[in-house]
């Protein structure tokens, strides 16, 4: 394998794989292992090789590599057909960080939309990617079977009911929901309202939402709390009126958990125009992505999942599978972090 570079010149010369090997003080074969993942090398050696590549401006030609190794140096990211402004924004955050992680590891990224498994089967059969990462994983996800049957290395960014020995990486949404309920209970709240996603989304049984609601229910029952669950649209033109209706129905409620980022900022707006003080009248705790929380200046205390950490872990897990194809399937749930913004207090204060 020669790993031909793109035409990157330094001082009038073109850097080659031999130049990288010489700069890093390793063999050409070792550089190839770093580029293809065919064989594991030490972290120290890989760091020296990548530092040499950066210094020389070397960029591997993936097309040339694939001709000589039958590898594409491409990771396929398979999404589903979830619709709506919130989902496009959330999906965009995941795809952005997946792309950065893949590029950093020397891989291109192929994005495919596939609600029923057909496109996944096509990617597997045509060898368009070395491995797959599934977004928008449902409890009974039709894509799982195609990936498992093909034997292609796959990471599910979510937890299906039957993962068929595929790798799983995700935020521990069950732990997040349980922790949020326990946090409010510790402050003395007995009547809590959970505002979640609209019913059509719940009907898709997306694993993260299902695990969150299930855990919130179980924890509330264990602690003897009253938990009411209300769905709310993600349609920006209808959110305010639906939240108005929810607030009107929740007599006796002292705390809200919001698992619907589209509704979170509108909820804050309603509190302001109704002159409802937070946390004096209601305590509010939200579940959201850390990166979106930072960008949107989320006004409430939050349990935040780190999209960058989750996506980087998913890519590393997939590449580890490339290097160690006979290893046991991985199951990694990453815990979110609590961000206190002063919107939780005892209902008796």
C-alpha atoms as a PDB file:
ATOM      1  CA  UNK A   1       0.000   0.000   0.000  1.00  0.00           C
ATOM      2  CA  UNK A   2       1.356   3.412  -0.890  1.00  0.00           C
ATOM      3  CA  UNK A   3      -1.239   5.776   0.647  1.00  0.00           C
ATOM      4  CA  UNK A   4      -0.687   8.420  -2.054  1.00  0.00           C
ATOM      5  CA  UNK A   5      -1.105  11.945  -0.685  1.00  0.00           C
ATOM      6  CA  UNK A   6      -3.060  14.743  -2.153  1.00  0.00           C
ATOM      7  CA  UNK A   7      -0.806  17.399  -3.712  1.00  0.00           C
ATOM      8  CA  UNK A   8       0.296  19.253  -0.582  1.00  0.00           C
ATOM      9  CA  UNK A   9       3.558  21.089  -1.108  1.00  0.00           C
ATOM     10  CA  UNK A  10       6.038  22.337   1.467  1.00  0.00           C
ATOM     11  CA  UNK A  11       8.987  24.369   0.175  1.00  0.00           C
ATOM     12  CA  UNK A  12       8.231  23.270  -3.368  1.00  0.00           C
ATOM     13  CA  UNK A  13       8.153  19.535  -2.606  1.00  0.00           C
ATOM     14  CA  UNK A  14       5.290  17.074  -2.150  1.00  0.00           C
ATOM     15  CA  UNK A  15       5.150  15.198   1.148  1.00  0.00           C
ATOM     16  CA  UNK A  16       4.826  11.424   0.858  1.00  0.00           C
ATOM     17  CA  UNK A  17       4.211   8.552   3.242  1.00  0.00           C
ATOM     18  CA  UNK A  18       7.977   7.976   3.267  1.00  0.00           C
ATOM     19  CA  UNK A  19       8.496  11.560   4.464  1.00  0.00           C
ATOM     20  CA  UNK A  20       6.000  11.019   7.277  1.00  0.00           C
ATOM     21  CA  UNK A  21       7.748   7.801   8.332  1.00  0.00           C
ATOM     22  CA  UNK A  22      11.134   9.549   8.338  1.00  0.00           C
ATOM     23  CA  UNK A  23       9.830  12.546  10.317  1.00  0.00           C
ATOM     24  CA  UNK A  24       8.126  10.310  12.903  1.00  0.00           C
ATOM     25  CA  UNK A  25      11.070   7.913  13.153  1.00  0.00           C
ATOM     26  CA  UNK A  26       8.965   4.873  12.274  1.00  0.00           C
ATOM     27  CA  UNK A  27       8.592   2.527   9.322  1.00  0.00           C
ATOM     28  CA  UNK A  28       6.378   3.156   6.311  1.00  0.00           C
ATOM     29  CA  UNK A  29       4.349   0.110   7.372  1.00  0.00           C
ATOM     30  CA  UNK A  30       3.652   1.671  10.776  1.00  0.00           C
ATOM     31  CA  UNK A  31       2.376   4.835   9.097  1.00  0.00           C
ATOM     32  CA  UNK A  32       0.087   2.645   6.986  1.00  0.00           C
ATOM     33  CA  UNK A  33      -1.252   0.928  10.107  1.00  0.00           C
ATOM     34  CA  UNK A  34      -2.072   4.321  11.623  1.00  0.00           C
ATOM     35  CA  UNK A  35      -3.865   5.424   8.436  1.00  0.00           C
ATOM     36  CA  UNK A  36      -5.885   2.249   7.876  1.00  0.00           C
ATOM     37  CA  UNK A  37      -6.382   0.830  11.348  1.00  0.00           C
ATOM     38  CA  UNK A  38      -5.373  -2.571   9.989  1.00  0.00           C
ATOM     39  CA  UNK A  39      -3.258  -3.246  13.052  1.00  0.00           C
ATOM     40  CA  UNK A  40      -3.119  -1.615  16.461  1.00  0.00           C
ATOM     41  CA  UNK A  41      -0.180   0.637  17.299  1.00  0.00           C
ATOM     42  CA  UNK A  42       0.646   2.291  20.604  1.00  0.00           C
ATOM     43  CA  UNK A  43      -0.941   5.654  21.400  1.00  0.00           C
ATOM     44  CA  UNK A  44       2.521   7.196  21.620  1.00  0.00           C
ATOM     45  CA  UNK A  45       3.473   5.954  18.151  1.00  0.00           C
ATOM     46  CA  UNK A  46       0.172   7.049  16.644  1.00  0.00           C
ATOM     47  CA  UNK A  47       0.613  10.506  18.180  1.00  0.00           C
ATOM     48  CA  UNK A  48       4.120  10.805  16.641  1.00  0.00           C
ATOM     49  CA  UNK A  49       2.825   9.772  13.217  1.00  0.00           C
ATOM     50  CA  UNK A  50      -0.093  12.211  13.289  1.00  0.00           C
ATOM     51  CA  UNK A  51       2.181  15.015  14.499  1.00  0.00           C
ATOM     52  CA  UNK A  52       4.486  14.316  11.560  1.00  0.00           C
ATOM     53  CA  UNK A  53       1.514  14.355   9.161  1.00  0.00           C
ATOM     54  CA  UNK A  54       0.415  17.736  10.514  1.00  0.00           C
ATOM     55  CA  UNK A  55       3.917  19.174  10.291  1.00  0.00           C
ATOM     56  CA  UNK A  56       4.422  18.025   6.697  1.00  0.00           C
ATOM     57  CA  UNK A  57       0.873  18.802   5.560  1.00  0.00           C
ATOM     58  CA  UNK A  58       0.350  15.204   4.520  1.00  0.00           C
ATOM     59  CA  UNK A  59      -3.227  14.190   3.687  1.00  0.00           C
ATOM     60  CA  UNK A  60      -3.824  10.543   2.790  1.00  0.00           C
ATOM     61  CA  UNK A  61      -5.582   9.786  -0.482  1.00  0.00           C
ATOM     62  CA  UNK A  62      -8.391   7.529   0.662  1.00  0.00           C
ATOM     63  CA  UNK A  63      -9.284   6.501  -2.895  1.00  0.00           C
ATOM     64  CA  UNK A  64      -5.787   5.165  -3.501  1.00  0.00           C
ATOM     65  CA  UNK A  65      -5.822   3.393  -0.159  1.00  0.00           C
ATOM     66  CA  UNK A  66      -9.149   1.726  -0.838  1.00  0.00           C
ATOM     67  CA  UNK A  67      -7.921   0.333  -4.178  1.00  0.00           C
ATOM     68  CA  UNK A  68      -5.056  -1.471  -2.501  1.00  0.00           C
ATOM     69  CA  UNK A  69      -6.745  -2.489   0.777  1.00  0.00           C
ATOM     70  CA  UNK A  70     -10.464  -2.964  -0.069  1.00  0.00           C
ATOM     71  CA  UNK A  71     -11.158  -0.356   2.610  1.00  0.00           C
ATOM     72  CA  UNK A  72     -13.083   2.826   1.939  1.00  0.00           C
ATOM     73  CA  UNK A  73     -11.797   4.841   4.889  1.00  0.00           C
ATOM     74  CA  UNK A  74     -15.403   5.991   5.228  1.00  0.00           C
ATOM     75  CA  UNK A  75     -17.810   5.849   8.155  1.00  0.00           C
ATOM     76  CA  UNK A  76     -21.491   5.678   7.271  1.00  0.00           C
ATOM     77  CA  UNK A  77     -23.819   7.686   9.527  1.00  0.00           C
ATOM     78  CA  UNK A  78     -27.382   6.417   9.166  1.00  0.00           C
ATOM     79  CA  UNK A  79     -30.165   8.734  10.322  1.00  0.00           C
ATOM     80  CA  UNK A  80     -33.941   8.267  10.231  1.00  0.00           C
ATOM     81  CA  UNK A  81     -36.808  10.456   9.070  1.00  0.00           C
ATOM     82  CA  UNK A  82     -37.540  12.368  12.268  1.00  0.00           C
ATOM     83  CA  UNK A  83     -38.997  15.710  11.260  1.00  0.00           C
ATOM     84  CA  UNK A  84     -39.276  19.171  12.782  1.00  0.00           C
ATOM     85  CA  UNK A  85     -37.048  22.115  13.558  1.00  0.00           C
ATOM     86  CA  UNK A  86     -35.910  20.673  16.900  1.00  0.00           C
ATOM     87  CA  UNK A  87     -34.891  17.351  15.393  1.00  0.00           C
ATOM     88  CA  UNK A  88     -33.058  18.981  12.502  1.00  0.00           C
ATOM     89  CA  UNK A  89     -31.132  21.129  14.975  1.00  0.00           C
ATOM     90  CA  UNK A  90     -30.347  18.231  17.321  1.00  0.00           C
ATOM     91  CA  UNK A  91     -29.401  15.904  14.468  1.00  0.00           C
ATOM     92  CA  UNK A  92     -27.181  18.622  13.020  1.00  0.00           C
ATOM     93  CA  UNK A  93     -25.262  18.842  16.305  1.00  0.00           C
ATOM     94  CA  UNK A  94     -24.631  15.101  16.339  1.00  0.00           C
ATOM     95  CA  UNK A  95     -23.606  14.982  12.671  1.00  0.00           C
ATOM     96  CA  UNK A  96     -21.284  17.951  13.129  1.00  0.00           C
ATOM     97  CA  UNK A  97     -19.406  16.341  16.025  1.00  0.00           C
ATOM     98  CA  UNK A  98     -19.378  12.926  14.334  1.00  0.00           C
ATOM     99  CA  UNK A  99     -17.813  14.532  11.266  1.00  0.00           C
ATOM    100  CA  UNK A 100     -15.129  16.221  13.361  1.00  0.00           C
ATOM    101  CA  UNK A 101     -14.311  12.991  15.193  1.00  0.00           C
ATOM    102  CA  UNK A 102     -14.189  10.972  11.960  1.00  0.00           C
ATOM    103  CA  UNK A 103     -11.980  13.531  10.192  1.00  0.00           C
ATOM    104  CA  UNK A 104      -9.635  13.691  13.166  1.00  0.00           C
ATOM    105  CA  UNK A 105      -9.227   9.911  12.967  1.00  0.00           C
ATOM    106  CA  UNK A 106      -8.547  10.032   9.211  1.00  0.00           C
ATOM    107  CA  UNK A 107     -11.967   8.957   7.925  1.00  0.00           C
ATOM    108  CA  UNK A 108     -14.509  10.470   5.553  1.00  0.00           C
ATOM    109  CA  UNK A 109     -18.209  10.412   6.458  1.00  0.00           C
ATOM    110  CA  UNK A 110     -21.175   9.250   4.384  1.00  0.00           C
ATOM    111  CA  UNK A 111     -24.611  10.434   5.593  1.00  0.00           C
ATOM    112  CA  UNK A 112     -27.634   8.315   4.664  1.00  0.00           C
ATOM    113  CA  UNK A 113     -31.292   8.771   5.636  1.00  0.00           C
ATOM    114  CA  UNK A 114     -32.984   5.442   6.272  1.00  0.00           C
ATOM    115  CA  UNK A 115     -36.272   4.982   8.166  1.00  0.00           C
ATOM    116  CA  UNK A 116     -36.848   1.311   7.290  1.00  0.00           C
ATOM    117  CA  UNK A 117     -33.496  -0.442   6.779  1.00  0.00           C
ATOM    118  CA  UNK A 118     -33.474  -0.403   2.968  1.00  0.00           C
ATOM    119  CA  UNK A 119     -30.672   2.124   2.620  1.00  0.00           C
ATOM    120  CA  UNK A 120     -28.670   0.382   5.355  1.00  0.00           C
ATOM    121  CA  UNK A 121     -28.866  -2.858   3.388  1.00  0.00           C
ATOM    122  CA  UNK A 122     -27.643  -1.028   0.276  1.00  0.00           C
ATOM    123  CA  UNK A 123     -24.666   0.490   2.100  1.00  0.00           C
ATOM    124  CA  UNK A 124     -23.724  -2.911   3.503  1.00  0.00           C
ATOM    125  CA  UNK A 125     -24.062  -4.765   0.200  1.00  0.00           C
ATOM    126  CA  UNK A 126     -22.219  -2.158  -1.867  1.00  0.00           C
ATOM    127  CA  UNK A 127     -19.369  -1.780   0.656  1.00  0.00           C
ATOM    128  CA  UNK A 128     -19.691   2.012   0.653  1.00  0.00           C
ATOM    129  CA  UNK A 129     -18.378   2.272   4.215  1.00  0.00           C
ATOM    130  CA  UNK A 130     -16.060   0.378   6.545  1.00  0.00           C
ATOM    131  CA  UNK A 131     -18.475   0.762   9.439  1.00  0.00           C
ATOM    132  CA  UNK A 132     -21.778   2.355  10.462  1.00  0.00           C
ATOM    133  CA  UNK A 133     -23.094   4.613  13.211  1.00  0.00           C
ATOM    134  CA  UNK A 134     -26.872   4.674  13.717  1.00  0.00           C
ATOM    135  CA  UNK A 135     -28.612   7.865  14.885  1.00  0.00           C
ATOM    136  CA  UNK A 136     -32.266   8.132  16.003  1.00  0.00           C
ATOM    137  CA  UNK A 137     -32.325   4.555  17.292  1.00  0.00           C
ATOM    138  CA  UNK A 138     -35.761   3.121  18.010  1.00  0.00           C
ATOM    139  CA  UNK A 139     -36.597   0.282  20.393  1.00  0.00           C
ATOM    140  CA  UNK A 140     -37.429  -2.020  17.487  1.00  0.00           C
ATOM    141  CA  UNK A 141     -35.147  -0.571  14.844  1.00  0.00           C
ATOM    142  CA  UNK A 142     -35.312  -2.260  11.396  1.00  0.00           C
ATOM    143  CA  UNK A 143     -31.754  -1.153  10.563  1.00  0.00           C
ATOM    144  CA  UNK A 144     -30.246  -3.341  13.296  1.00  0.00           C
ATOM    145  CA  UNK A 145     -31.021  -6.619  11.544  1.00  0.00           C
ATOM    146  CA  UNK A 146     -29.394  -5.590   8.248  1.00  0.00           C
ATOM    147  CA  UNK A 147     -26.203  -4.435   9.942  1.00  0.00           C
ATOM    148  CA  UNK A 148     -26.002  -7.533  12.150  1.00  0.00           C
ATOM    149  CA  UNK A 149     -26.533  -9.926   9.237  1.00  0.00           C
ATOM    150  CA  UNK A 150     -23.905  -8.209   7.100  1.00  0.00           C
ATOM    151  CA  UNK A 151     -21.275  -8.343   9.847  1.00  0.00           C
ATOM    152  CA  UNK A 152     -20.237  -4.729   9.210  1.00  0.00           C
ATOM    153  CA  UNK A 153     -18.835  -3.022  12.345  1.00  0.00           C
ATOM    154  CA  UNK A 154     -21.663  -0.881  13.729  1.00  0.00           C
ATOM    155  CA  UNK A 155     -22.230   1.437  16.678  1.00  0.00           C
ATOM    156  CA  UNK A 156     -25.771   2.289  17.753  1.00  0.00           C
ATOM    157  CA  UNK A 157     -26.030   5.797  19.189  1.00  0.00           C
ATOM    158  CA  UNK A 158     -28.962   4.581  21.245  1.00  0.00           C
ATOM    159  CA  UNK A 159     -30.217   1.387  22.887  1.00  0.00           C
ATOM    160  CA  UNK A 160     -32.515  -0.884  20.831  1.00  0.00           C
ATOM    161  CA  UNK A 161     -34.420  -3.683  22.574  1.00  0.00           C
ATOM    162  CA  UNK A 162     -32.254  -6.232  20.755  1.00  0.00           C
ATOM    163  CA  UNK A 163     -28.861  -4.910  19.683  1.00  0.00           C
ATOM    164  CA  UNK A 164     -27.869  -8.249  18.078  1.00  0.00           C
ATOM    165  CA  UNK A 165     -24.291  -7.970  19.358  1.00  0.00           C
ATOM    166  CA  UNK A 166     -23.760  -4.520  17.849  1.00  0.00           C
ATOM    167  CA  UNK A 167     -21.843  -1.907  19.853  1.00  0.00           C
ATOM    168  CA  UNK A 168     -23.889   0.656  21.787  1.00  0.00           C
ATOM    169  CA  UNK A 169     -22.808   4.132  22.882  1.00  0.00           C
ATOM    170  CA  UNK A 170     -25.259   6.669  24.300  1.00  0.00           C
ATOM    171  CA  UNK A 171     -26.071   9.051  27.117  1.00  0.00           C
ATOM    172  CA  UNK A 172     -27.569   7.332  30.145  1.00  0.00           C
ATOM    173  CA  UNK A 173     -30.979   8.976  29.847  1.00  0.00           C
ATOM    174  CA  UNK A 174     -32.459   6.636  32.445  1.00  0.00           C
ATOM    175  CA  UNK A 175     -29.940   7.819  35.022  1.00  0.00           C
ATOM    176  CA  UNK A 176     -30.600  11.443  34.020  1.00  0.00           C
ATOM    177  CA  UNK A 177     -34.366  11.130  34.552  1.00  0.00           C
ATOM    178  CA  UNK A 178     -33.967   9.314  37.860  1.00  0.00           C
ATOM    179  CA  UNK A 179     -31.475  11.922  39.093  1.00  0.00           C
ATOM    180  CA  UNK A 180     -33.790  14.789  38.120  1.00  0.00           C
ATOM    181  CA  UNK A 181     -36.759  13.313  39.988  1.00  0.00           C
ATOM    182  CA  UNK A 182     -34.586  12.583  43.024  1.00  0.00           C
ATOM    183  CA  UNK A 183     -33.220  16.139  42.951  1.00  0.00           C
ATOM    184  CA  UNK A 184     -36.706  17.631  43.070  1.00  0.00           C
ATOM    185  CA  UNK A 185     -37.841  15.152  45.721  1.00  0.00           C
ATOM    186  CA  UNK A 186     -34.882  16.108  47.913  1.00  0.00           C
ATOM    187  CA  UNK A 187     -36.174  19.700  47.856  1.00  0.00           C
ATOM    188  CA  UNK A 188     -39.604  18.588  49.038  1.00  0.00           C
ATOM    189  CA  UNK A 189     -41.552  18.440  45.757  1.00  0.00           C
ATOM    190  CA  UNK A 190     -44.314  15.812  45.706  1.00  0.00           C
ATOM    191  CA  UNK A 191     -46.262  16.930  42.614  1.00  0.00           C
ATOM    192  CA  UNK A 192     -44.132  17.052  39.481  1.00  0.00           C
ATOM    193  CA  UNK A 193     -45.099  17.529  35.836  1.00  0.00           C
ATOM    194  CA  UNK A 194     -42.923  16.063  33.069  1.00  0.00           C
ATOM    195  CA  UNK A 195     -43.324  17.888  29.748  1.00  0.00           C
ATOM    196  CA  UNK A 196     -42.070  15.635  26.984  1.00  0.00           C
ATOM    197  CA  UNK A 197     -42.181  15.307  23.191  1.00  0.00           C
ATOM    198  CA  UNK A 198     -45.373  15.127  21.083  1.00  0.00           C
ATOM    199  CA  UNK A 199     -47.320  11.866  20.853  1.00  0.00           C
ATOM    200  CA  UNK A 200     -46.340  11.068  17.221  1.00  0.00           C
ATOM    201  CA  UNK A 201     -42.696  11.084  18.356  1.00  0.00           C
ATOM    202  CA  UNK A 202     -43.480   8.926  21.382  1.00  0.00           C
ATOM    203  CA  UNK A 203     -45.276   6.497  19.080  1.00  0.00           C
ATOM    204  CA  UNK A 204     -41.994   5.927  17.222  1.00  0.00           C
ATOM    205  CA  UNK A 205     -40.570   4.541  20.494  1.00  0.00           C
ATOM    206  CA  UNK A 206     -37.286   6.373  20.164  1.00  0.00           C
ATOM    207  CA  UNK A 207     -35.092   4.722  22.738  1.00  0.00           C
ATOM    208  CA  UNK A 208     -33.813   7.836  24.517  1.00  0.00           C
ATOM    209  CA  UNK A 209     -37.282   9.262  25.153  1.00  0.00           C
ATOM    210  CA  UNK A 210     -38.662   5.877  26.189  1.00  0.00           C
ATOM    211  CA  UNK A 211     -35.855   5.284  28.688  1.00  0.00           C
ATOM    212  CA  UNK A 212     -36.228   8.791  30.123  1.00  0.00           C
ATOM    213  CA  UNK A 213     -39.977   8.539  30.697  1.00  0.00           C
ATOM    214  CA  UNK A 214     -39.781   4.966  31.998  1.00  0.00           C
ATOM    215  CA  UNK A 215     -37.085   5.881  34.518  1.00  0.00           C
ATOM    216  CA  UNK A 216     -38.906   9.047  35.652  1.00  0.00           C
ATOM    217  CA  UNK A 217     -42.047   6.960  36.249  1.00  0.00           C
ATOM    218  CA  UNK A 218     -40.244   4.231  38.190  1.00  0.00           C
ATOM    219  CA  UNK A 219     -38.351   6.696  40.369  1.00  0.00           C
ATOM    220  CA  UNK A 220     -41.513   8.670  41.149  1.00  0.00           C
ATOM    221  CA  UNK A 221     -43.338   5.483  42.153  1.00  0.00           C
ATOM    222  CA  UNK A 222     -40.411   4.368  44.324  1.00  0.00           C
ATOM    223  CA  UNK A 223     -40.375   7.726  46.127  1.00  0.00           C
ATOM    224  CA  UNK A 224     -44.162   7.978  46.422  1.00  0.00           C
ATOM    225  CA  UNK A 225     -44.421  11.109  44.250  1.00  0.00           C
ATOM    226  CA  UNK A 226     -47.201  12.232  41.921  1.00  0.00           C
ATOM    227  CA  UNK A 227     -45.789  12.498  38.385  1.00  0.00           C
ATOM    228  CA  UNK A 228     -48.021  13.711  35.566  1.00  0.00           C
ATOM    229  CA  UNK A 229     -46.720  13.365  32.011  1.00  0.00           C
ATOM    230  CA  UNK A 230     -47.801  15.873  29.354  1.00  0.00           C
ATOM    231  CA  UNK A 231     -46.863  15.864  25.693  1.00  0.00           C
ATOM    232  CA  UNK A 232     -46.058  19.105  23.895  1.00  0.00           C
ATOM    233  CA  UNK A 233     -45.581  19.888  20.227  1.00  0.00           C
ATOM    234  CA  UNK A 234     -42.253  20.957  18.725  1.00  0.00           C
ATOM    235  CA  UNK A 235     -44.081  23.155  16.196  1.00  0.00           C
ATOM    236  CA  UNK A 236     -42.950  26.683  17.031  1.00  0.00           C
ATOM    237  CA  UNK A 237     -46.329  28.156  16.057  1.00  0.00           C
ATOM    238  CA  UNK A 238     -48.243  25.921  18.467  1.00  0.00           C
ATOM    239  CA  UNK A 239     -45.912  25.491  21.448  1.00  0.00           C
ATOM    240  CA  UNK A 240     -47.113  28.532  23.395  1.00  0.00           C
ATOM    241  CA  UNK A 241     -50.795  27.596  23.251  1.00  0.00           C
ATOM    242  CA  UNK A 242     -50.072  23.971  24.222  1.00  0.00           C
ATOM    243  CA  UNK A 243     -47.923  25.046  27.158  1.00  0.00           C
ATOM    244  CA  UNK A 244     -50.687  27.438  28.224  1.00  0.00           C
ATOM    245  CA  UNK A 245     -53.064  24.480  28.318  1.00  0.00           C
ATOM    246  CA  UNK A 246     -50.611  22.361  30.303  1.00  0.00           C
ATOM    247  CA  UNK A 247     -50.097  25.093  32.906  1.00  0.00           C
ATOM    248  CA  UNK A 248     -53.859  25.536  33.262  1.00  0.00           C
ATOM    249  CA  UNK A 249     -54.335  21.808  33.991  1.00  0.00           C
ATOM    250  CA  UNK A 250     -51.536  21.433  36.536  1.00  0.00           C
ATOM    251  CA  UNK A 251     -53.183  22.597  39.748  1.00  0.00           C
ATOM    252  CA  UNK A 252     -51.017  21.636  42.708  1.00  0.00           C
ATOM    253  CA  UNK A 253     -47.871  21.124  40.635  1.00  0.00           C
ATOM    254  CA  UNK A 254     -44.785  22.679  42.220  1.00  0.00           C
ATOM    255  CA  UNK A 255     -42.062  21.518  39.823  1.00  0.00           C
ATOM    256  CA  UNK A 256     -41.605  20.918  36.106  1.00  0.00           C
ATOM    257  CA  UNK A 257     -39.188  18.645  34.276  1.00  0.00           C
ATOM    258  CA  UNK A 258     -38.952  19.568  30.593  1.00  0.00           C
ATOM    259  CA  UNK A 259     -37.639  16.988  28.121  1.00  0.00           C
ATOM    260  CA  UNK A 260     -38.448  18.987  25.018  1.00  0.00           C
ATOM    261  CA  UNK A 261     -35.907  21.639  24.077  1.00  0.00           C
ATOM    262  CA  UNK A 262     -38.294  23.374  21.691  1.00  0.00           C
ATOM    263  CA  UNK A 263     -40.662  23.960  24.598  1.00  0.00           C
ATOM    264  CA  UNK A 264     -38.001  25.052  27.090  1.00  0.00           C
ATOM    265  CA  UNK A 265     -37.387  28.602  25.855  1.00  0.00           C
ATOM    266  CA  UNK A 266     -41.106  29.187  25.231  1.00  0.00           C
ATOM    267  CA  UNK A 267     -41.830  28.009  28.786  1.00  0.00           C
ATOM    268  CA  UNK A 268     -39.400  30.637  30.070  1.00  0.00           C
ATOM    269  CA  UNK A 269     -41.175  33.277  27.968  1.00  0.00           C
ATOM    270  CA  UNK A 270     -44.568  32.256  29.411  1.00  0.00           C
ATOM    271  CA  UNK A 271     -43.248  32.530  32.956  1.00  0.00           C
ATOM    272  CA  UNK A 272     -42.114  36.083  32.210  1.00  0.00           C
ATOM    273  CA  UNK A 273     -45.335  37.319  30.597  1.00  0.00           C
ATOM    274  CA  UNK A 274     -47.416  35.688  33.349  1.00  0.00           C
ATOM    275  CA  UNK A 275     -45.132  37.238  35.984  1.00  0.00           C
ATOM    276  CA  UNK A 276     -44.563  33.828  37.549  1.00  0.00           C
ATOM    277  CA  UNK A 277     -41.361  33.844  39.608  1.00  0.00           C
ATOM    278  CA  UNK A 278     -38.920  30.941  39.207  1.00  0.00           C
ATOM    279  CA  UNK A 279     -38.133  29.143  41.512  1.00  0.00           C
ATOM    280  CA  UNK A 280     -40.378  30.886  44.057  1.00  0.00           C
ATOM    281  CA  UNK A 281     -43.590  29.517  42.506  1.00  0.00           C
ATOM    282  CA  UNK A 282     -42.299  26.690  40.318  1.00  0.00           C
ATOM    283  CA  UNK A 283     -39.017  24.815  40.260  1.00  0.00           C
ATOM    284  CA  UNK A 284     -37.863  23.982  36.730  1.00  0.00           C
ATOM    285  CA  UNK A 285     -35.308  21.396  35.594  1.00  0.00           C
ATOM    286  CA  UNK A 286     -34.635  20.551  31.937  1.00  0.00           C
ATOM    287  CA  UNK A 287     -32.916  17.799  29.959  1.00  0.00           C
ATOM    288  CA  UNK A 288     -30.867  19.035  27.016  1.00  0.00           C
ATOM    289  CA  UNK A 289     -27.667  18.776  24.975  1.00  0.00           C
ATOM    290  CA  UNK A 290     -24.779  20.674  26.550  1.00  0.00           C
ATOM    291  CA  UNK A 291     -23.766  22.284  23.261  1.00  0.00           C
ATOM    292  CA  UNK A 292     -27.296  23.533  22.539  1.00  0.00           C
ATOM    293  CA  UNK A 293     -27.662  24.699  26.118  1.00  0.00           C
ATOM    294  CA  UNK A 294     -24.504  26.770  25.829  1.00  0.00           C
ATOM    295  CA  UNK A 295     -25.471  28.206  22.429  1.00  0.00           C
ATOM    296  CA  UNK A 296     -29.057  29.087  23.401  1.00  0.00           C
ATOM    297  CA  UNK A 297     -28.218  30.405  26.899  1.00  0.00           C
ATOM    298  CA  UNK A 298     -30.556  27.904  28.531  1.00  0.00           C
ATOM    299  CA  UNK A 299     -32.239  29.743  31.445  1.00  0.00           C
ATOM    300  CA  UNK A 300     -33.017  26.728  33.650  1.00  0.00           C
ATOM    301  CA  UNK A 301     -31.052  24.281  35.750  1.00  0.00           C
ATOM    302  CA  UNK A 302     -30.329  21.302  33.512  1.00  0.00           C
ATOM    303  CA  UNK A 303     -29.154  17.748  33.213  1.00  0.00           C
ATOM    304  CA  UNK A 304     -26.917  18.031  30.158  1.00  0.00           C
ATOM    305  CA  UNK A 305     -25.684  15.309  27.830  1.00  0.00           C
ATOM    306  CA  UNK A 306     -22.409  16.076  26.053  1.00  0.00           C
ATOM    307  CA  UNK A 307     -22.823  15.541  22.290  1.00  0.00           C
ATOM    308  CA  UNK A 308     -19.107  15.950  21.654  1.00  0.00           C
ATOM    309  CA  UNK A 309     -18.173  13.302  24.216  1.00  0.00           C
ATOM    310  CA  UNK A 310     -20.828  10.846  23.021  1.00  0.00           C
ATOM    311  CA  UNK A 311     -19.942  11.180  19.327  1.00  0.00           C
ATOM    312  CA  UNK A 312     -16.190  10.996  19.920  1.00  0.00           C
ATOM    313  CA  UNK A 313     -16.735   7.867  22.013  1.00  0.00           C
ATOM    314  CA  UNK A 314     -18.872   6.347  19.248  1.00  0.00           C
ATOM    315  CA  UNK A 315     -16.214   6.949  16.586  1.00  0.00           C
ATOM    316  CA  UNK A 316     -13.428   5.623  18.827  1.00  0.00           C
ATOM    317  CA  UNK A 317     -15.508   2.531  19.600  1.00  0.00           C
ATOM    318  CA  UNK A 318     -16.087   1.887  15.895  1.00  0.00           C
ATOM    319  CA  UNK A 319     -12.394   2.303  15.014  1.00  0.00           C
ATOM    320  CA  UNK A 320     -11.496   0.011  17.891  1.00  0.00           C
ATOM    321  CA  UNK A 321     -13.765  -2.589  16.275  1.00  0.00           C
ATOM    322  CA  UNK A 322     -11.854  -2.148  12.993  1.00  0.00           C
ATOM    323  CA  UNK A 323      -8.613  -2.881  14.817  1.00  0.00           C
ATOM    324  CA  UNK A 324      -9.970  -5.694  17.003  1.00  0.00           C
ATOM    325  CA  UNK A 325     -12.766  -7.367  15.013  1.00  0.00           C
ATOM    326  CA  UNK A 326     -13.050 -10.359  17.379  1.00  0.00           C
ATOM    327  CA  UNK A 327     -13.479  -8.371  20.579  1.00  0.00           C
ATOM    328  CA  UNK A 328     -16.693  -8.527  22.612  1.00  0.00           C
ATOM    329  CA  UNK A 329     -19.492  -6.057  21.741  1.00  0.00           C
ATOM    330  CA  UNK A 330     -19.235  -2.821  23.704  1.00  0.00           C
ATOM    331  CA  UNK A 331     -22.051  -1.235  25.747  1.00  0.00           C
ATOM    332  CA  UNK A 332     -21.279   2.278  26.993  1.00  0.00           C
ATOM    333  CA  UNK A 333     -23.755   4.635  28.663  1.00  0.00           C
ATOM    334  CA  UNK A 334     -22.226   8.003  29.497  1.00  0.00           C
ATOM    335  CA  UNK A 335     -23.627  10.031  32.358  1.00  0.00           C
ATOM    336  CA  UNK A 336     -24.670  13.640  31.830  1.00  0.00           C
ATOM    337  CA  UNK A 337     -23.743  16.529  34.096  1.00  0.00           C
ATOM    338  CA  UNK A 338     -25.922  18.689  36.299  1.00  0.00           C
ATOM    339  CA  UNK A 339     -25.798  22.445  35.663  1.00  0.00           C
ATOM    340  CA  UNK A 340     -27.257  24.535  38.501  1.00  0.00           C
ATOM    341  CA  UNK A 341     -28.766  27.809  37.261  1.00  0.00           C
ATOM    342  CA  UNK A 342     -30.741  28.550  40.402  1.00  0.00           C
ATOM    343  CA  UNK A 343     -34.198  27.436  39.245  1.00  0.00           C
ATOM    344  CA  UNK A 344     -34.821  24.779  41.918  1.00  0.00           C
ATOM    345  CA  UNK A 345     -35.972  25.508  45.462  1.00  0.00           C
ATOM    346  CA  UNK A 346     -38.149  24.023  48.182  1.00  0.00           C
ATOM    347  CA  UNK A 347     -41.890  24.614  47.588  1.00  0.00           C
ATOM    348  CA  UNK A 348     -42.154  25.723  51.220  1.00  0.00           C
ATOM    349  CA  UNK A 349     -39.637  28.559  51.030  1.00  0.00           C
END
